[in-house]
């Protein structure tokens, strides 16, 4: 069976690896990173969030199958990367779901933030001192999962260049052609390799699964909520502030918003049952790391806010 016709055991069409060439115009692609996101949940968090996230995932995959959208599993991308990242070179990884166990002295995580603003998306973040010293005078490889506008990788390339490094290689899962072109302008010496080739408008499946780590969208002025156990991030539905790609198409028939709204409520209910009381924003660190409270655009929250009430329950 060739890669373009590969089908998983559950009948969902999938791409099996690099070298899959897509049509010339951008098309939707779903990056199924739900299972990878589970790694950031505690055991308790997986018991609360896992069944709901898998239900939302099934809804989206069925929609993708009906519309013949390719779906790539994030773990397959990670497996491909394992044969591409040599241990002698310096690599900076931007994919937040890259497993910590695969990092090391020459493979380091670079955390940059993407925040939606009135004028578009703002990329923020600097090289910590140890990374600045690591890249100075070195040929550096960059790793990310999805490239849309290319702004995140271009920002990373500037940080490395300003620190005295040179971008030599870039490995990604999938990208838009315009994004790739923009990054290669910022890093003209770099070679580029994609797990799935083509001009692809890629959406993270985790972004529609409430209370998964690194899910949803960050919005300017709504960064975090202070709680007694530390700050909790705030996320908004991917459809809340416009945008295109697969999620816009899903939202047109209401299935995406219904799945997200029901998911928010179900997680809140399961969380409350597990605690034996109403779960609040302050309880979210119990679920795991990088778990944000999900709000609608017109909502605000505080540490004491009950998750069921925020979800409309």
Protein backbone atom coordinates (compact mmCIF):
# COMPACT_ATOMS: atom_id res chain seq x y z
CA UNK A 1 0.00 0.00 0.00
CA UNK A 2 1.53 3.37 -0.95
CA UNK A 3 1.80 6.28 1.51
CA UNK A 4 -1.00 8.31 0.02
CA UNK A 5 -3.46 5.46 0.47
CA UNK A 6 -2.27 4.28 3.90
CA UNK A 7 -5.15 3.59 6.28
CA UNK A 8 -4.85 3.09 10.02
CA UNK A 9 -6.63 0.24 11.85
CA UNK A 10 -9.53 2.55 12.71
CA UNK A 11 -10.06 3.38 9.07
CA UNK A 12 -8.77 6.95 9.20
CA UNK A 13 -6.66 7.95 6.23
CA UNK A 14 -3.09 8.72 7.28
CA UNK A 15 0.19 9.78 5.72
CA UNK A 16 2.96 7.38 6.59
CA UNK A 17 6.03 9.52 6.10
CA UNK A 18 8.33 11.82 4.24
CA UNK A 19 8.28 12.14 0.51
CA UNK A 20 4.49 12.40 0.29
CA UNK A 21 3.94 15.14 -2.26
CA UNK A 22 0.63 16.95 -2.08
CA UNK A 23 -1.20 19.06 -4.63
CA UNK A 24 0.28 22.48 -5.48
CA UNK A 25 -2.32 24.58 -3.65
CA UNK A 26 -2.54 24.52 0.14
CA UNK A 27 -4.83 21.89 1.56
CA UNK A 28 -5.87 21.03 5.12
CA UNK A 29 -3.76 18.62 7.12
CA UNK A 30 -4.52 17.43 10.66
CA UNK A 31 -1.59 16.78 13.00
CA UNK A 32 -2.91 14.23 15.47
CA UNK A 33 -0.89 15.18 18.55
CA UNK A 34 -3.44 14.27 21.23
CA UNK A 35 -1.58 11.21 22.54
CA UNK A 36 1.70 13.15 22.57
CA UNK A 37 0.02 15.89 24.63
CA UNK A 38 -1.00 13.30 27.23
CA UNK A 39 2.65 13.10 28.26
CA UNK A 40 2.27 16.52 29.92
CA UNK A 41 -0.65 15.34 32.05
CA UNK A 42 -0.33 13.76 35.47
CA UNK A 43 -1.73 10.27 35.95
CA UNK A 44 -4.71 11.93 37.61
CA UNK A 45 -4.99 14.36 34.71
CA UNK A 46 -5.01 11.56 32.15
CA UNK A 47 -7.88 9.88 33.99
CA UNK A 48 -9.89 13.11 33.95
CA UNK A 49 -9.04 14.59 30.55
CA UNK A 50 -8.11 11.51 28.51
CA UNK A 51 -11.56 10.03 27.74
CA UNK A 52 -12.94 13.44 26.76
CA UNK A 53 -9.97 14.32 24.57
CA UNK A 54 -10.23 10.97 22.77
CA UNK A 55 -13.93 11.58 22.13
CA UNK A 56 -13.25 15.02 20.62
CA UNK A 57 -10.40 13.51 18.63
CA UNK A 58 -12.74 10.90 17.13
CA UNK A 59 -15.19 13.62 16.05
CA UNK A 60 -12.47 15.54 14.24
CA UNK A 61 -10.93 12.46 12.62
CA UNK A 62 -14.30 11.33 11.28
CA UNK A 63 -14.82 14.79 9.77
CA UNK A 64 -11.33 14.68 8.27
CA UNK A 65 -11.95 11.24 6.80
CA UNK A 66 -15.25 12.34 5.27
CA UNK A 67 -13.49 15.28 3.59
CA UNK A 68 -10.43 13.21 2.63
CA UNK A 69 -8.07 15.36 4.66
CA UNK A 70 -4.78 13.64 5.40
CA UNK A 71 -3.97 13.03 9.07
CA UNK A 72 -0.42 12.66 10.36
CA UNK A 73 0.32 11.18 13.75
CA UNK A 74 2.71 13.25 15.85
CA UNK A 75 4.47 10.13 17.12
CA UNK A 76 5.24 9.14 13.52
CA UNK A 77 6.87 12.54 13.07
CA UNK A 78 8.93 11.99 16.24
CA UNK A 79 10.01 8.55 14.98
CA UNK A 80 11.16 10.12 11.72
CA UNK A 81 13.07 12.79 13.64
CA UNK A 82 14.91 10.20 15.69
CA UNK A 83 16.81 9.14 12.58
CA UNK A 84 17.51 12.73 11.52
CA UNK A 85 18.93 14.38 14.64
CA UNK A 86 22.55 13.36 15.06
CA UNK A 87 24.09 13.68 18.50
CA UNK A 88 27.19 15.55 17.32
CA UNK A 89 25.29 18.63 16.11
CA UNK A 90 23.54 21.35 18.10
CA UNK A 91 19.75 21.27 17.82
CA UNK A 92 17.16 23.67 19.24
CA UNK A 93 13.63 22.25 19.41
CA UNK A 94 10.53 24.48 19.24
CA UNK A 95 7.91 21.72 19.23
CA UNK A 96 6.51 21.81 22.81
CA UNK A 97 5.54 18.13 22.63
CA UNK A 98 9.05 16.91 21.85
CA UNK A 99 9.73 14.32 24.59
CA UNK A 100 12.07 15.55 27.34
CA UNK A 101 13.81 12.17 27.42
CA UNK A 102 15.06 12.82 23.87
CA UNK A 103 16.69 16.12 24.85
CA UNK A 104 20.31 16.32 25.96
CA UNK A 105 23.44 18.43 25.97
CA UNK A 106 23.22 19.14 22.23
CA UNK A 107 19.42 18.90 21.91
CA UNK A 108 17.76 21.68 23.84
CA UNK A 109 14.24 23.08 24.05
CA UNK A 110 13.67 26.70 22.99
CA UNK A 111 10.39 28.01 24.36
CA UNK A 112 8.81 30.83 22.35
CA UNK A 113 5.27 32.12 22.82
CA UNK A 114 2.66 32.96 20.20
CA UNK A 115 0.03 35.49 21.23
CA UNK A 116 -2.93 36.63 19.13
CA UNK A 117 -3.15 40.41 18.87
CA UNK A 118 -5.32 42.87 16.97
CA UNK A 119 -2.62 43.12 14.33
CA UNK A 120 -1.92 39.41 14.00
CA UNK A 121 0.34 37.09 15.97
CA UNK A 122 3.19 38.27 18.18
CA UNK A 123 6.17 35.98 18.79
CA UNK A 124 8.01 36.47 22.06
CA UNK A 125 10.99 34.84 23.74
CA UNK A 126 14.74 35.16 24.12
CA UNK A 127 17.66 32.79 24.23
CA UNK A 128 18.58 31.98 27.83
CA UNK A 129 22.23 32.55 28.69
CA UNK A 130 23.12 28.86 28.48
CA UNK A 131 21.59 28.54 25.01
CA UNK A 132 23.34 31.71 23.83
CA UNK A 133 26.65 30.17 24.86
CA UNK A 134 25.72 26.86 23.22
CA UNK A 135 24.96 28.37 19.80
CA UNK A 136 27.78 30.94 19.69
CA UNK A 137 30.02 30.02 16.78
CA UNK A 138 28.05 26.81 16.13
CA UNK A 139 26.11 25.44 13.18
CA UNK A 140 22.63 25.00 14.66
CA UNK A 141 19.69 22.87 13.54
CA UNK A 142 16.11 23.88 14.25
CA UNK A 143 13.18 21.51 14.81
CA UNK A 144 9.47 22.39 14.81
CA UNK A 145 6.26 20.57 14.05
CA UNK A 146 4.15 22.95 11.96
CA UNK A 147 5.14 26.02 9.97
CA UNK A 148 2.35 28.38 8.92
CA UNK A 149 3.47 31.99 8.47
CA UNK A 150 7.02 31.04 9.43
CA UNK A 151 7.17 33.81 12.04
CA UNK A 152 8.17 31.54 14.92
CA UNK A 153 11.10 29.91 13.12
CA UNK A 154 12.18 33.26 11.67
CA UNK A 155 12.21 34.72 15.20
CA UNK A 156 14.30 31.77 16.42
CA UNK A 157 16.70 32.21 13.49
CA UNK A 158 17.21 35.88 14.40
CA UNK A 159 17.93 35.01 18.04
CA UNK A 160 20.53 32.44 16.99
CA UNK A 161 22.11 34.77 14.46
CA UNK A 162 22.28 37.60 17.02
CA UNK A 163 24.00 35.20 19.44
CA UNK A 164 26.67 34.39 16.86
CA UNK A 165 25.28 31.10 15.57
CA UNK A 166 24.46 29.89 12.08
CA UNK A 167 21.30 28.00 11.09
CA UNK A 168 22.46 24.99 9.09
CA UNK A 169 19.45 22.65 9.02
CA UNK A 170 15.71 22.82 9.63
CA UNK A 171 13.47 19.77 10.20
CA UNK A 172 9.68 20.11 10.38
CA UNK A 173 6.59 17.96 10.09
CA UNK A 174 4.69 20.09 7.55
CA UNK A 175 4.60 23.65 6.28
CA UNK A 176 3.02 26.27 4.08
CA UNK A 177 5.15 27.20 1.08
CA UNK A 178 5.03 30.90 2.01
CA UNK A 179 6.14 30.15 5.54
CA UNK A 180 9.04 28.03 4.36
CA UNK A 181 10.13 30.77 1.95
CA UNK A 182 10.04 33.37 4.70
CA UNK A 183 12.13 31.25 7.06
CA UNK A 184 14.74 30.53 4.39
CA UNK A 185 15.08 34.26 3.79
CA UNK A 186 15.88 34.64 7.48
CA UNK A 187 18.21 31.60 7.37
CA UNK A 188 19.55 31.44 3.79
CA UNK A 189 22.32 28.96 4.65
CA UNK A 190 19.91 26.35 6.00
CA UNK A 191 18.73 23.18 4.32
CA UNK A 192 15.07 22.27 4.82
CA UNK A 193 13.52 18.84 5.26
CA UNK A 194 9.84 18.01 5.90
CA UNK A 195 8.25 14.82 7.13
CA UNK A 196 5.27 15.50 4.86
CA UNK A 197 6.02 17.54 1.76
CA UNK A 198 3.74 20.03 0.05
CA UNK A 199 1.93 23.29 0.69
CA UNK A 200 -0.13 22.31 3.73
CA UNK A 201 -2.42 24.27 6.05
CA UNK A 202 -1.88 22.23 9.19
CA UNK A 203 -3.95 22.23 12.37
CA UNK A 204 -2.97 20.72 15.71
CA UNK A 205 -5.68 18.36 16.86
CA UNK A 206 -4.80 19.12 20.50
CA UNK A 207 -6.02 22.69 19.95
CA UNK A 208 -9.65 21.54 20.04
CA UNK A 209 -9.27 19.29 23.10
CA UNK A 210 -9.96 21.37 26.25
CA UNK A 211 -7.45 21.10 29.08
CA UNK A 212 -4.75 19.33 27.15
CA UNK A 213 -1.28 20.87 27.59
CA UNK A 214 -0.45 23.54 25.01
CA UNK A 215 -4.02 23.55 23.64
CA UNK A 216 -6.08 26.50 22.43
CA UNK A 217 -4.94 30.05 21.65
CA UNK A 218 -3.22 32.67 23.78
CA UNK A 219 -4.61 36.19 23.47
CA UNK A 220 -3.00 39.55 24.22
CA UNK A 221 -4.00 40.94 27.61
CA UNK A 222 -5.38 37.61 28.84
CA UNK A 223 -2.19 35.84 29.78
CA UNK A 224 -2.72 34.14 33.14
CA UNK A 225 -4.68 33.93 36.38
CA UNK A 226 -2.89 34.08 39.74
CA UNK A 227 -3.69 31.22 42.13
CA UNK A 228 -2.24 30.13 45.49
CA UNK A 229 -0.32 27.36 43.73
CA UNK A 230 1.04 29.57 40.92
CA UNK A 231 -0.24 31.20 37.76
CA UNK A 232 -2.60 29.33 35.41
CA UNK A 233 -2.56 30.18 31.73
CA UNK A 234 -5.65 31.22 29.79
CA UNK A 235 -6.60 29.68 26.44
CA UNK A 236 -9.38 30.48 23.99
CA UNK A 237 -11.02 28.34 21.31
CA UNK A 238 -9.14 28.31 18.03
CA UNK A 239 -12.21 29.65 16.23
CA UNK A 240 -12.78 32.59 18.58
CA UNK A 241 -10.73 35.19 16.72
CA UNK A 242 -11.05 34.27 13.08
CA UNK A 243 -8.31 32.67 11.03
CA UNK A 244 -8.42 30.11 8.29
CA UNK A 245 -7.38 26.59 7.65
CA UNK A 246 -9.08 23.38 8.73
CA UNK A 247 -10.63 24.78 11.91
CA UNK A 248 -12.44 27.50 9.97
CA UNK A 249 -13.94 24.86 7.68
CA UNK A 250 -14.95 22.72 10.64
CA UNK A 251 -16.57 25.68 12.39
CA UNK A 252 -18.81 26.38 9.40
CA UNK A 253 -21.04 23.40 10.24
CA UNK A 254 -20.89 23.91 13.99
CA UNK A 255 -19.39 20.50 14.75
CA UNK A 256 -16.12 21.92 16.03
CA UNK A 257 -17.65 24.40 18.46
CA UNK A 258 -20.12 21.82 19.73
CA UNK A 259 -17.34 19.31 20.33
CA UNK A 260 -15.21 21.88 22.17
CA UNK A 261 -18.09 23.20 24.27
CA UNK A 262 -19.17 19.71 25.30
CA UNK A 263 -15.56 18.77 25.99
CA UNK A 264 -15.09 21.75 28.31
CA UNK A 265 -18.16 20.78 30.31
CA UNK A 266 -17.35 17.08 30.45
CA UNK A 267 -13.81 17.67 31.71
CA UNK A 268 -15.12 20.07 34.36
CA UNK A 269 -17.72 17.54 35.50
CA UNK A 270 -15.25 14.65 35.62
CA UNK A 271 -12.74 16.82 37.49
CA UNK A 272 -15.35 17.80 40.10
CA UNK A 273 -16.46 14.20 40.60
CA UNK A 274 -12.85 13.09 41.07
CA UNK A 275 -12.22 15.83 43.65
CA UNK A 276 -15.53 15.36 45.44
CA UNK A 277 -16.24 19.09 45.10
CA UNK A 278 -16.47 21.75 42.41
CA UNK A 279 -13.19 21.98 40.51
CA UNK A 280 -11.83 25.52 40.19
CA UNK A 281 -9.18 27.32 38.16
CA UNK A 282 -6.80 26.94 41.12
CA UNK A 283 -7.09 23.15 40.83
CA UNK A 284 -5.82 22.96 37.24
CA UNK A 285 -2.14 22.30 38.13
CA UNK A 286 -3.37 18.93 39.45
CA UNK A 287 -4.01 17.91 35.83
CA UNK A 288 -0.44 18.46 34.70
CA UNK A 289 1.99 21.00 33.30
CA UNK A 290 1.08 23.73 30.80
CA UNK A 291 -2.67 23.15 31.28
CA UNK A 292 -4.66 26.36 30.80
CA UNK A 293 -8.18 27.31 31.77
CA UNK A 294 -10.43 27.51 28.72
CA UNK A 295 -12.50 30.69 28.42
CA UNK A 296 -14.83 32.16 25.82
CA UNK A 297 -13.88 35.62 24.49
CA UNK A 298 -16.42 37.38 26.73
CA UNK A 299 -15.41 35.52 29.89
CA UNK A 300 -13.02 36.32 32.69
CA UNK A 301 -11.91 34.08 35.51
CA UNK A 302 -10.24 34.12 38.91
CA UNK A 303 -8.64 31.40 41.00
CA UNK A 304 -11.97 30.57 42.66
CA UNK A 305 -13.94 30.35 39.40
CA UNK A 306 -15.71 27.00 39.07
CA UNK A 307 -14.85 25.21 35.83
CA UNK A 308 -18.41 23.88 35.35
CA UNK A 309 -19.80 27.41 35.53
CA UNK A 310 -17.20 28.68 33.07
CA UNK A 311 -18.19 25.84 30.72
CA UNK A 312 -21.87 26.74 31.00
CA UNK A 313 -22.81 23.84 33.22
